[in-house]
Amino acid sequence: MPTLTLQNNPLAARRPGAALAAALVALALAGCATSQPPSAGLPALTVPATWSPGHLVYAPDADPQSLARWWQGLGDAQLTGLVEQALQANPSLAATQAALRQARAQRDVTAAGLSPSLDGSGSAQRSRSGNSTGNSFSTGLDASWEIDVFGRIASGVAAGDADVRTAQATLEGARVSLAAEVALSYIELRNLQQRLAIARSNLASQQETLQITDWRMQAGLTTSLATEQARAAAAQTAAQVPALEASLAQTRHALAVLTGQNPAALDAQLAAVARVPQAPDALALQIPAETLRQRPDVIAAEARVAAALARVSQADAARYPSFRLGGSLGLRALTLGALTQGGSVASSLLGSISVPLLDGGAARAQVRVQEAGLEQSRLNYAATVLTALQEVEDALAALQGDGLRLEQLRVAAQAAANAALLAQQRYSSGLVDFQTVLETQRTQLSSQDSLASALATLTADHVRLYKALGGGWTPGDAESSAAAPATN
């Protein structure tokens, strides 16, 4: 179980100029009760030092970089190529990257409020009165600056920074999910190919049995009942072939779309039958427990807490006065040449203060809105941590259970193959009835199909474990990407 502790955050503290500015406007604030932002901070994540269900133990001092490109450890070059292509060309991932650029740009818009603004203007006027005409030319500069005494704009910038971190983590989470989805689809494709080969092999054996049964019936050694049973068994197996072929085509289409291509683009590339990739046990055993901290959804949930905390400070600062300095410098002349020589110079300087006096409680209500949002973010963070822990524990339990199941299915498949061969030989010699052959063939098909599916399931369990631990990216990559200019 995770433990959540509170840490101090600089956003919760008042800035040094706040007390002085408050004293200057004491009269304006008389009778108004002050409200401090709630004492809240970022929850700290604590995870188990090790997980050890059964024989799987995850060392806390293992290298977290082993998860960065976990698909390479499956030893399948074609899978690696598909994952890398998907990470480059998937449209949904590109949309998430655009959302990150948007968050960075929005943060820059907010940060611009901390700097003075300067506007230039110019005009030319021609007037006519009776027989006389006159020209007038003017140009000027207008400057303004809001002094962020109470930190309203700075809190908005801090919230924007947290939104950027959220968008970055969301992008990395999309990368993690995409890599896992491509790998699972590829594993399913290879599994379907293996199952299709098994079905065709068993169909050939059943058709051979049907031929033998038909000969024996013509020779009067068996009845038509055995022949019809053999024909029914062969037809049932034959019916599985088109269903598997359709599923195989659909999986190829899904892989092509995940890699940003047309559905039929990978038909030729993936036509050849290949084995299901198998993950070495040592790869899983090198995963450190602390890598749970780098899960993108955990990072995103933490960033949302930071953003909500900043917005509480921003809403609270909006209840206090705002200070603005403004000035203008202008030139006016009757001719354009005189304007360049100085003309008439006009300048002004203005300082203003805006004090919220009566708003029907809207500002206080807005603070409460943001406080409730902060509480939601903190609770969502706790839920995200619990879900992350559950997904890891579930993946480990699946690995253990499916590994033991695979061992038994291997024994069963070998025994079923031996039994089917012996029954076929004895039936040809007339030593057993056809019902024995029929049962052994059905058992052989079922056990071989189950074994192929179990092999694929075990590899898929590894993929789900890598995903549960946030595999598929590294914090260093995220930091460098987050620090990139907003124009990237």
Protein backbone atom coordinates (compact mmCIF):
# COMPACT_ATOMS: atom_id res chain seq x y z
CA MET A 1 0.00 0.00 0.00
CA PRO A 2 1.31 3.50 -0.80
CA THR A 3 1.72 6.11 1.89
CA LEU A 4 0.89 9.73 1.12
CA THR A 5 2.74 12.46 2.99
CA LEU A 6 2.59 16.23 2.58
CA GLN A 7 5.53 18.37 1.58
CA ASN A 8 5.85 22.15 1.83
CA ASN A 9 5.39 23.99 -1.46
CA PRO A 10 6.68 27.53 -2.13
CA LEU A 11 3.43 28.42 -3.86
CA ALA A 12 1.60 28.31 -0.55
CA ALA A 13 3.70 31.11 0.94
CA ARG A 14 3.08 34.87 0.52
CA ARG A 15 5.66 36.92 -1.35
CA PRO A 16 7.76 39.49 0.57
CA GLY A 17 6.03 42.54 -0.93
CA ALA A 18 2.58 41.41 0.10
CA ALA A 19 2.66 42.83 3.66
CA LEU A 20 3.89 46.28 2.56
CA ALA A 21 1.34 46.55 -0.23
CA ALA A 22 -1.43 45.46 2.10
CA ALA A 23 -0.49 48.20 4.56
CA LEU A 24 -0.66 50.83 1.81
CA VAL A 25 -4.24 49.88 0.98
CA ALA A 26 -5.40 49.12 4.49
CA LEU A 27 -8.28 51.54 4.21
CA ALA A 28 -9.56 49.89 1.07
CA LEU A 29 -9.36 46.48 2.70
CA ALA A 30 -10.93 47.51 5.98
CA GLY A 31 -13.76 45.24 6.98
CA CYS A 32 -12.71 42.48 4.55
CA ALA A 33 -11.68 39.17 6.12
CA THR A 34 -8.51 37.65 4.68
CA SER A 35 -8.28 34.08 3.53
CA GLN A 36 -5.06 32.13 3.24
CA PRO A 37 -4.63 29.34 0.69
CA PRO A 38 -5.19 25.93 2.23
CA SER A 39 -2.21 24.16 3.70
CA ALA A 40 -1.63 21.58 1.01
CA GLY A 41 1.33 20.09 -0.80
CA LEU A 42 2.35 17.47 -3.26
CA PRO A 43 1.77 13.90 -2.09
CA ALA A 44 4.94 11.82 -1.90
CA LEU A 45 4.87 8.35 -3.38
CA THR A 46 6.21 5.42 -1.38
CA VAL A 47 6.31 2.00 -3.04
CA PRO A 48 7.41 -1.41 -1.76
CA ALA A 49 11.15 -1.99 -1.91
CA THR A 50 10.54 -5.36 -3.57
CA TRP A 51 7.71 -7.41 -4.98
CA SER A 52 8.06 -11.12 -4.49
CA PRO A 53 5.02 -13.18 -5.52
CA GLY A 54 6.24 -16.74 -5.73
CA HIS A 55 9.62 -17.04 -7.46
CA LEU A 56 9.66 -13.55 -8.99
CA VAL A 57 11.72 -11.02 -7.07
CA TYR A 58 12.32 -7.49 -8.34
CA ALA A 59 15.55 -5.96 -7.13
CA PRO A 60 15.31 -2.31 -5.97
CA ASP A 61 18.85 -1.56 -7.18
CA ALA A 62 18.38 -2.75 -10.77
CA ASP A 63 18.90 -0.37 -13.66
CA PRO A 64 15.65 1.49 -14.54
CA GLN A 65 17.02 2.15 -18.04
CA SER A 66 16.32 -1.51 -18.84
CA LEU A 67 12.67 -0.54 -19.28
CA ALA A 68 13.31 2.30 -21.72
CA ARG A 69 13.27 0.04 -24.80
CA TRP A 70 11.90 -3.14 -23.32
CA TRP A 71 10.62 -4.44 -26.67
CA GLN A 72 14.20 -4.93 -27.85
CA GLY A 73 14.64 -7.57 -25.16
CA LEU A 74 12.02 -9.78 -26.81
CA GLY A 75 14.56 -10.59 -29.52
CA ASP A 76 12.30 -9.92 -32.51
CA ALA A 77 13.68 -7.41 -35.02
CA GLN A 78 10.36 -7.11 -36.83
CA LEU A 79 8.55 -6.24 -33.61
CA THR A 80 11.20 -3.64 -32.78
CA GLY A 81 10.78 -2.07 -36.19
CA LEU A 82 6.99 -1.90 -35.86
CA VAL A 83 7.16 -0.30 -32.41
CA GLU A 84 9.69 2.29 -33.53
CA GLN A 85 7.63 3.10 -36.62
CA ALA A 86 4.47 3.50 -34.55
CA LEU A 87 6.24 5.89 -32.18
CA GLN A 88 7.22 7.98 -35.19
CA ALA A 89 4.09 7.87 -37.36
CA ASN A 90 1.02 7.14 -35.21
CA PRO A 91 -1.51 9.99 -35.75
CA SER A 92 -2.96 9.87 -32.24
CA LEU A 93 0.53 10.23 -30.77
CA ALA A 94 1.17 13.20 -33.05
CA ALA A 95 -2.03 14.81 -31.75
CA THR A 96 -0.78 14.39 -28.18
CA GLN A 97 2.49 16.06 -29.18
CA ALA A 98 0.48 18.98 -30.56
CA ALA A 99 -1.33 19.23 -27.23
CA LEU A 100 2.04 19.52 -25.51
CA ARG A 101 3.08 22.35 -27.82
CA GLN A 102 -0.22 24.05 -27.09
CA ALA A 103 0.35 23.80 -23.32
CA ARG A 104 3.82 25.31 -23.69
CA ALA A 105 2.48 28.16 -25.80
CA GLN A 106 -0.31 28.85 -23.30
CA ARG A 107 2.24 28.98 -20.49
CA ASP A 108 4.24 31.53 -22.49
CA VAL A 109 1.09 33.64 -22.97
CA THR A 110 0.59 33.75 -19.21
CA ALA A 111 4.27 34.47 -18.52
CA ALA A 112 4.13 37.46 -20.88
CA GLY A 113 1.92 39.19 -18.31
CA LEU A 114 4.94 39.58 -16.02
CA SER A 115 6.68 41.89 -18.51
CA PRO A 116 5.75 45.42 -19.62
CA SER A 117 3.86 45.81 -22.88
CA LEU A 118 4.64 48.43 -25.52
CA ASP A 119 2.35 49.47 -28.38
CA GLY A 120 3.14 51.76 -31.27
CA SER A 121 0.63 53.82 -33.23
CA GLY A 122 0.58 56.27 -36.08
CA SER A 123 -2.08 58.26 -37.93
CA ALA A 124 -2.50 60.73 -40.77
CA GLN A 125 -5.52 63.00 -41.15
CA ARG A 126 -6.60 65.34 -43.94
CA SER A 127 -9.45 67.74 -43.25
CA ARG A 128 -11.27 70.27 -45.42
CA SER A 129 -13.29 73.29 -44.29
CA GLY A 130 -14.64 75.51 -47.04
CA ASN A 131 -11.76 76.36 -49.38
CA SER A 132 -9.06 75.49 -46.86
CA THR A 133 -7.51 72.07 -46.25
CA GLY A 134 -5.23 70.86 -43.52
CA ASN A 135 -3.08 67.84 -42.72
CA SER A 136 -2.26 66.35 -39.34
CA PHE A 137 0.25 63.62 -38.60
CA SER A 138 0.89 61.87 -35.28
CA THR A 139 2.83 58.94 -33.90
CA GLY A 140 3.20 57.57 -30.42
CA LEU A 141 4.20 54.82 -28.04
CA ASP A 142 2.01 53.45 -25.23
CA ALA A 143 3.49 51.34 -22.43
CA SER A 144 1.84 49.54 -19.54
CA TRP A 145 2.93 47.19 -16.79
CA GLU A 146 0.97 45.41 -14.11
CA ILE A 147 3.06 45.06 -10.97
CA ASP A 148 2.45 41.53 -9.68
CA VAL A 149 2.58 42.43 -5.98
CA PHE A 150 0.40 39.59 -4.72
CA GLY A 151 1.63 36.96 -7.18
CA ARG A 152 -1.53 36.47 -9.21
CA ILE A 153 0.30 36.32 -12.54
CA ALA A 154 3.23 34.35 -11.10
CA SER A 155 0.80 31.77 -9.74
CA GLY A 156 -0.75 31.53 -13.20
CA VAL A 157 2.70 30.90 -14.66
CA ALA A 158 3.34 28.19 -12.05
CA ALA A 159 0.03 26.59 -13.00
CA GLY A 160 1.06 26.78 -16.66
CA ASP A 161 4.37 25.08 -15.85
CA ALA A 162 2.46 22.28 -14.13
CA ASP A 163 0.12 22.01 -17.12
CA VAL A 164 3.16 21.59 -19.36
CA ARG A 165 4.46 18.79 -17.12
CA THR A 166 1.01 17.18 -17.26
CA ALA A 167 0.94 17.37 -21.05
CA GLN A 168 4.48 15.97 -21.22
CA ALA A 169 3.56 13.06 -18.97
CA THR A 170 0.39 12.48 -20.98
CA LEU A 171 2.50 12.29 -24.13
CA GLU A 172 4.86 9.80 -22.54
CA GLY A 173 1.89 7.81 -21.28
CA ALA A 174 0.58 7.66 -24.84
CA ARG A 175 3.99 6.37 -25.97
CA VAL A 176 3.95 3.68 -23.29
CA SER A 177 0.43 2.57 -24.23
CA LEU A 178 1.19 2.64 -27.95
CA ALA A 179 4.32 0.51 -27.61
CA ALA A 180 2.43 -2.02 -25.50
CA GLU A 181 -0.52 -2.07 -27.91
CA VAL A 182 1.75 -2.70 -30.90
CA ALA A 183 3.57 -5.48 -29.04
CA LEU A 184 0.33 -7.15 -27.90
CA SER A 185 -1.09 -6.98 -31.43
CA TYR A 186 2.10 -8.45 -32.86
CA ILE A 187 2.08 -11.26 -30.29
CA GLU A 188 -1.55 -11.98 -31.14
CA LEU A 189 -0.71 -12.06 -34.85
CA ARG A 190 2.07 -14.59 -34.36
CA ASN A 191 -0.18 -16.59 -32.05
CA LEU A 192 -2.92 -16.70 -34.69
CA GLN A 193 -0.40 -17.86 -37.26
CA GLN A 194 0.69 -20.70 -34.98
CA ARG A 195 -2.90 -21.68 -34.21
CA LEU A 196 -3.77 -21.61 -37.91
CA ALA A 197 -0.84 -23.93 -38.66
CA ILE A 198 -1.97 -26.28 -35.87
CA ALA A 199 -5.53 -26.32 -37.20
CA ARG A 200 -4.36 -27.09 -40.74
CA SER A 201 -2.04 -29.84 -39.52
CA ASN A 202 -4.80 -31.48 -37.49
CA LEU A 203 -7.21 -31.09 -40.40
CA ALA A 204 -4.82 -32.99 -42.64
CA SER A 205 -4.59 -35.76 -40.06
CA GLN A 206 -8.37 -35.92 -39.68
CA GLN A 207 -8.86 -36.05 -43.43
CA GLU A 208 -6.42 -38.94 -43.58
CA THR A 209 -8.43 -40.68 -40.86
CA LEU A 210 -11.62 -40.02 -42.81
CA GLN A 211 -10.08 -41.66 -45.87
CA ILE A 212 -9.09 -44.73 -43.82
CA THR A 213 -12.54 -44.94 -42.31
CA ASP A 214 -14.15 -44.73 -45.72
CA TRP A 215 -11.96 -47.59 -46.98
CA ARG A 216 -12.80 -49.69 -43.96
CA MET A 217 -16.51 -49.07 -44.47
CA GLN A 218 -16.27 -50.13 -48.12
CA ALA A 219 -14.49 -53.28 -46.98
CA GLY A 220 -17.24 -53.97 -44.48
CA LEU A 221 -14.93 -53.57 -41.49
CA THR A 222 -16.84 -50.65 -39.96
CA THR A 223 -20.18 -48.93 -40.22
CA SER A 224 -21.20 -45.66 -41.86
CA LEU A 225 -21.52 -44.20 -38.38
CA ALA A 226 -17.73 -44.08 -38.00
CA THR A 227 -17.43 -42.49 -41.43
CA GLU A 228 -19.92 -39.75 -40.61
CA GLN A 229 -18.23 -39.10 -37.26
CA ALA A 230 -14.89 -38.72 -39.02
CA ARG A 231 -16.42 -36.39 -41.61
CA ALA A 232 -18.03 -34.26 -38.87
CA ALA A 233 -14.75 -33.97 -36.96
CA ALA A 234 -12.87 -32.92 -40.10
CA ALA A 235 -15.54 -30.36 -41.01
CA GLN A 236 -15.47 -28.85 -37.53
CA THR A 237 -11.72 -28.39 -37.73
CA ALA A 238 -12.00 -27.00 -41.27
CA ALA A 239 -14.51 -24.44 -39.99
CA GLN A 240 -11.87 -23.03 -37.63
CA VAL A 241 -9.52 -22.19 -40.51
CA PRO A 242 -11.46 -19.29 -42.11
CA ALA A 243 -12.25 -17.84 -38.67
CA LEU A 244 -8.55 -17.83 -37.77
CA GLU A 245 -7.67 -16.38 -41.19
CA ALA A 246 -10.14 -13.53 -40.69
CA SER A 247 -8.78 -12.76 -37.22
CA LEU A 248 -5.26 -12.84 -38.64
CA ALA A 249 -6.16 -10.32 -41.35
CA GLN A 250 -7.85 -8.03 -38.82
CA THR A 251 -4.80 -8.10 -36.56
CA ARG A 252 -2.53 -7.20 -39.48
CA HIS A 253 -4.84 -4.30 -40.29
CA ALA A 254 -4.74 -3.10 -36.69
CA LEU A 255 -0.94 -3.20 -36.67
CA ALA A 256 -0.78 -1.22 -39.90
CA VAL A 257 -3.06 1.50 -38.54
CA LEU A 258 -1.08 1.68 -35.30
CA THR A 259 2.04 2.35 -37.36
CA GLY A 260 0.29 5.12 -39.28
CA GLN A 261 -0.26 3.16 -42.51
CA ASN A 262 -3.17 1.92 -44.59
CA PRO A 263 -4.78 -1.29 -43.26
CA ALA A 264 -3.33 -3.52 -45.98
CA ALA A 265 0.17 -2.03 -45.91
CA LEU A 266 1.70 -4.83 -43.81
CA ASP A 267 0.06 -7.81 -45.53
CA ALA A 268 3.18 -8.78 -47.47
CA GLN A 269 5.61 -7.93 -44.70
CA LEU A 270 3.82 -10.08 -42.12
CA ALA A 271 2.73 -12.91 -44.41
CA ALA A 272 5.54 -15.28 -43.41
CA VAL A 273 4.84 -17.42 -40.35
CA ALA A 274 7.14 -16.75 -37.39
CA ARG A 275 7.26 -17.85 -33.80
CA VAL A 276 5.75 -15.88 -30.95
CA PRO A 277 8.53 -13.77 -29.35
CA GLN A 278 9.51 -14.99 -25.90
CA ALA A 279 10.81 -12.75 -23.12
CA PRO A 280 13.76 -14.12 -21.12
CA ASP A 281 13.08 -14.43 -17.42
CA ALA A 282 16.26 -12.51 -16.60
CA LEU A 283 14.86 -9.42 -18.34
CA ALA A 284 11.87 -9.31 -16.04
CA LEU A 285 13.98 -9.98 -12.97
CA GLN A 286 16.07 -6.85 -13.62
CA ILE A 287 13.15 -4.46 -13.23
CA PRO A 288 13.51 -2.28 -10.12
CA ALA A 289 10.53 -1.61 -7.90
CA GLU A 290 11.33 2.10 -7.77
CA THR A 291 10.59 2.47 -11.47
CA LEU A 292 6.92 2.74 -10.53
CA ARG A 293 7.73 6.37 -9.73
CA GLN A 294 8.37 7.06 -13.41
CA ARG A 295 4.93 5.93 -14.59
CA PRO A 296 3.60 8.77 -16.74
CA ASP A 297 0.14 8.69 -15.18
CA VAL A 298 1.65 9.05 -11.70
CA ILE A 299 3.77 11.99 -12.87
CA ALA A 300 0.76 13.57 -14.60
CA ALA A 301 -1.40 13.19 -11.50
CA GLU A 302 1.32 14.82 -9.37
CA ALA A 303 1.62 17.70 -11.86
CA ARG A 304 -2.15 18.23 -11.70
CA VAL A 305 -1.86 18.64 -7.93
CA ALA A 306 0.81 21.29 -8.46
CA ALA A 307 -1.37 23.07 -11.04
CA ALA A 308 -4.39 23.02 -8.75
CA LEU A 309 -2.33 24.37 -5.86
CA ALA A 310 -1.07 27.24 -8.02
CA ARG A 311 -4.59 28.08 -9.11
CA VAL A 312 -5.70 28.30 -5.49
CA SER A 313 -2.97 30.90 -4.92
CA GLN A 314 -3.98 32.67 -8.13
CA ALA A 315 -7.64 32.85 -7.12
CA ASP A 316 -6.73 34.07 -3.66
CA ALA A 317 -4.44 36.79 -5.05
CA ALA A 318 -7.28 38.03 -7.27
CA ARG A 319 -9.07 39.21 -4.09
CA TYR A 320 -6.39 41.85 -3.47
CA PRO A 321 -5.65 45.12 -5.26
CA SER A 322 -3.86 45.22 -8.60
CA PHE A 323 -1.34 47.93 -9.46
CA ARG A 324 -0.62 49.18 -12.97
CA LEU A 325 1.80 51.70 -14.42
CA GLY A 326 1.11 53.27 -17.79
CA GLY A 327 2.72 55.91 -19.95
CA SER A 328 2.61 57.37 -23.42
CA LEU A 329 4.90 59.40 -25.63
CA GLY A 330 3.58 61.04 -28.80
CA LEU A 331 4.54 63.42 -31.61
CA ARG A 332 2.12 65.60 -33.55
CA ALA A 333 2.82 67.86 -36.56
CA LEU A 334 1.12 69.43 -39.56
CA THR A 335 3.56 67.91 -42.03
CA LEU A 336 5.30 64.57 -42.22
CA GLY A 337 8.70 66.26 -42.37
CA ALA A 338 8.02 68.25 -39.22
CA LEU A 339 7.04 65.04 -37.47
CA THR A 340 10.52 63.61 -38.04
CA GLN A 341 12.06 66.84 -36.69
CA GLY A 342 10.30 66.59 -33.36
CA GLY A 343 6.97 68.31 -33.93
CA SER A 344 4.91 68.68 -30.81
CA VAL A 345 5.86 66.25 -28.08
CA ALA A 346 3.23 64.98 -25.66
CA SER A 347 3.93 62.57 -22.82
CA SER A 348 2.05 61.18 -19.85
CA LEU A 349 2.64 58.83 -16.93
CA LEU A 350 -0.14 57.15 -15.03
CA GLY A 351 -0.21 54.91 -11.99
CA SER A 352 -3.46 53.18 -11.11
CA ILE A 353 -4.80 50.82 -8.49
CA SER A 354 -7.83 48.57 -8.83
CA VAL A 355 -9.44 47.33 -5.63
CA PRO A 356 -12.25 44.77 -5.55
CA LEU A 357 -14.71 46.18 -3.04
CA LEU A 358 -18.04 44.48 -3.61
CA ASP A 359 -18.56 41.48 -5.87
CA GLY A 360 -21.29 39.55 -4.11
CA GLY A 361 -18.79 36.97 -2.82
CA ALA A 362 -17.66 35.89 -6.30
CA ALA A 363 -13.94 36.09 -5.47
CA ARG A 364 -14.32 34.03 -2.30
CA ALA A 365 -16.42 31.50 -4.18
CA GLN A 366 -13.72 31.24 -6.84
CA VAL A 367 -11.16 30.42 -4.15
CA ARG A 368 -13.45 27.68 -2.86
CA VAL A 369 -13.82 26.37 -6.41
CA GLN A 370 -10.06 26.03 -6.76
CA GLU A 371 -9.71 24.51 -3.28
CA ALA A 372 -12.23 21.83 -4.23
CA GLY A 373 -10.29 21.24 -7.45
CA LEU A 374 -7.10 20.83 -5.41
CA GLU A 375 -8.76 18.26 -3.19
CA GLN A 376 -9.96 16.36 -6.26
CA SER A 377 -6.45 16.36 -7.68
CA ARG A 378 -4.97 15.02 -4.44
CA LEU A 379 -7.55 12.23 -4.25
CA ASN A 380 -7.07 11.39 -7.93
CA TYR A 381 -3.34 11.16 -7.29
CA ALA A 382 -3.91 8.70 -4.45
CA ALA A 383 -6.23 6.64 -6.68
CA THR A 384 -3.64 6.65 -9.48
CA VAL A 385 -0.96 5.33 -7.12
CA LEU A 386 -3.23 2.55 -5.88
CA THR A 387 -4.15 1.60 -9.44
CA ALA A 388 -0.49 1.54 -10.43
CA LEU A 389 0.37 -0.78 -7.55
CA GLN A 390 -2.55 -3.05 -8.41
CA GLU A 391 -1.54 -3.29 -12.07
CA VAL A 392 1.99 -4.32 -11.11
CA GLU A 393 0.80 -6.90 -8.60
CA ASP A 394 -1.76 -8.26 -11.10
CA ALA A 395 0.88 -8.55 -13.81
CA LEU A 396 3.24 -10.40 -11.47
CA ALA A 397 0.48 -12.78 -10.39
CA ALA A 398 -0.41 -13.44 -14.03
CA LEU A 399 3.22 -14.15 -14.87
CA GLN A 400 3.51 -16.65 -12.06
CA GLY A 401 0.22 -18.41 -12.78
CA ASP A 402 0.61 -18.52 -16.55
CA GLY A 403 4.17 -19.81 -16.21
CA LEU A 404 3.01 -22.78 -14.13
CA ARG A 405 0.09 -23.37 -16.51
CA LEU A 406 2.45 -23.42 -19.47
CA GLU A 407 4.54 -26.18 -17.91
CA GLN A 408 1.49 -28.44 -17.56
CA LEU A 409 0.21 -27.65 -21.04
CA ARG A 410 3.53 -28.72 -22.53
CA VAL A 411 3.17 -32.11 -20.81
CA ALA A 412 -0.45 -32.39 -21.93
CA ALA A 413 0.33 -31.49 -25.56
CA GLN A 414 3.12 -34.06 -25.77
CA ALA A 415 0.97 -36.78 -24.23
CA ALA A 416 -1.96 -35.93 -26.52
CA ALA A 417 0.26 -36.13 -29.60
CA ASN A 418 1.57 -39.54 -28.54
CA ALA A 419 -1.94 -40.80 -27.81
CA ALA A 420 -3.25 -39.61 -31.18
CA LEU A 421 -0.40 -41.32 -33.04
CA LEU A 422 -0.91 -44.61 -31.18
CA ALA A 423 -4.66 -44.54 -31.73
CA GLN A 424 -4.21 -43.87 -35.43
CA GLN A 425 -1.83 -46.82 -35.79
CA ARG A 426 -4.02 -49.21 -33.81
CA TYR A 427 -7.14 -48.16 -35.66
CA SER A 428 -5.42 -48.88 -38.97
CA SER A 429 -4.65 -52.34 -37.57
CA GLY A 430 -8.18 -52.80 -36.28
CA LEU A 431 -7.12 -52.95 -32.63
CA VAL A 432 -9.27 -50.05 -31.37
CA ASP A 433 -12.59 -48.59 -32.45
CA PHE A 434 -13.00 -45.26 -34.19
CA GLN A 435 -14.35 -43.52 -31.08
CA THR A 436 -10.91 -43.81 -29.51
CA VAL A 437 -9.29 -42.19 -32.54
CA LEU A 438 -11.87 -39.41 -32.56
CA GLU A 439 -11.34 -38.56 -28.91
CA THR A 440 -7.55 -38.56 -29.15
CA GLN A 441 -7.59 -36.29 -32.20
CA ARG A 442 -9.89 -33.81 -30.49
CA THR A 443 -7.67 -33.83 -27.42
CA GLN A 444 -4.58 -33.30 -29.54
CA LEU A 445 -6.07 -30.30 -31.35
CA SER A 446 -7.29 -28.75 -28.11
CA SER A 447 -4.03 -29.25 -26.22
CA GLN A 448 -1.85 -27.93 -29.05
CA ASP A 449 -4.08 -24.89 -29.49
CA SER A 450 -4.03 -24.22 -25.74
CA LEU A 451 -0.24 -24.56 -25.63
CA ALA A 452 0.22 -22.05 -28.47
CA SER A 453 -2.13 -19.58 -26.76
CA ALA A 454 -0.38 -20.04 -23.42
CA LEU A 455 3.01 -19.23 -24.96
CA ALA A 456 1.57 -16.01 -26.38
CA THR A 457 -0.18 -15.18 -23.11
CA LEU A 458 3.04 -15.48 -21.13
CA THR A 459 4.81 -13.02 -23.44
CA ALA A 460 1.80 -10.72 -23.26
CA ASP A 461 2.06 -10.87 -19.45
CA HIS A 462 5.61 -9.54 -19.70
CA VAL A 463 4.41 -6.72 -21.93
CA ARG A 464 1.69 -5.79 -19.45
CA LEU A 465 4.24 -5.81 -16.64
CA TYR A 466 6.52 -3.45 -18.57
CA LYS A 467 3.55 -1.18 -19.21
CA ALA A 468 2.46 -1.32 -15.54
CA LEU A 469 5.95 -0.20 -14.51
CA GLY A 470 5.90 2.69 -16.97
CA GLY A 471 8.30 1.08 -19.41
CA GLY A 472 8.83 2.72 -22.77
CA TRP A 473 10.38 6.06 -21.83
CA THR A 474 12.96 7.55 -19.48
CA PRO A 475 12.62 10.58 -17.15
CA GLY A 476 15.70 12.15 -18.76
CA ASP A 477 13.99 12.18 -22.14
CA ALA A 478 10.94 13.82 -20.63
CA GLU A 479 12.96 16.52 -18.90
CA SER A 480 14.88 17.42 -22.06
CA SER A 481 11.66 17.51 -24.05
CA ALA A 482 9.90 19.65 -21.44
CA ALA A 483 12.81 22.08 -21.43
CA ALA A 484 12.65 22.52 -25.21
CA PRO A 485 11.52 25.92 -26.54
CA ALA A 486 7.81 26.39 -27.09
CA THR A 487 8.44 26.76 -30.84
CA ASN A 488 9.67 23.17 -31.14
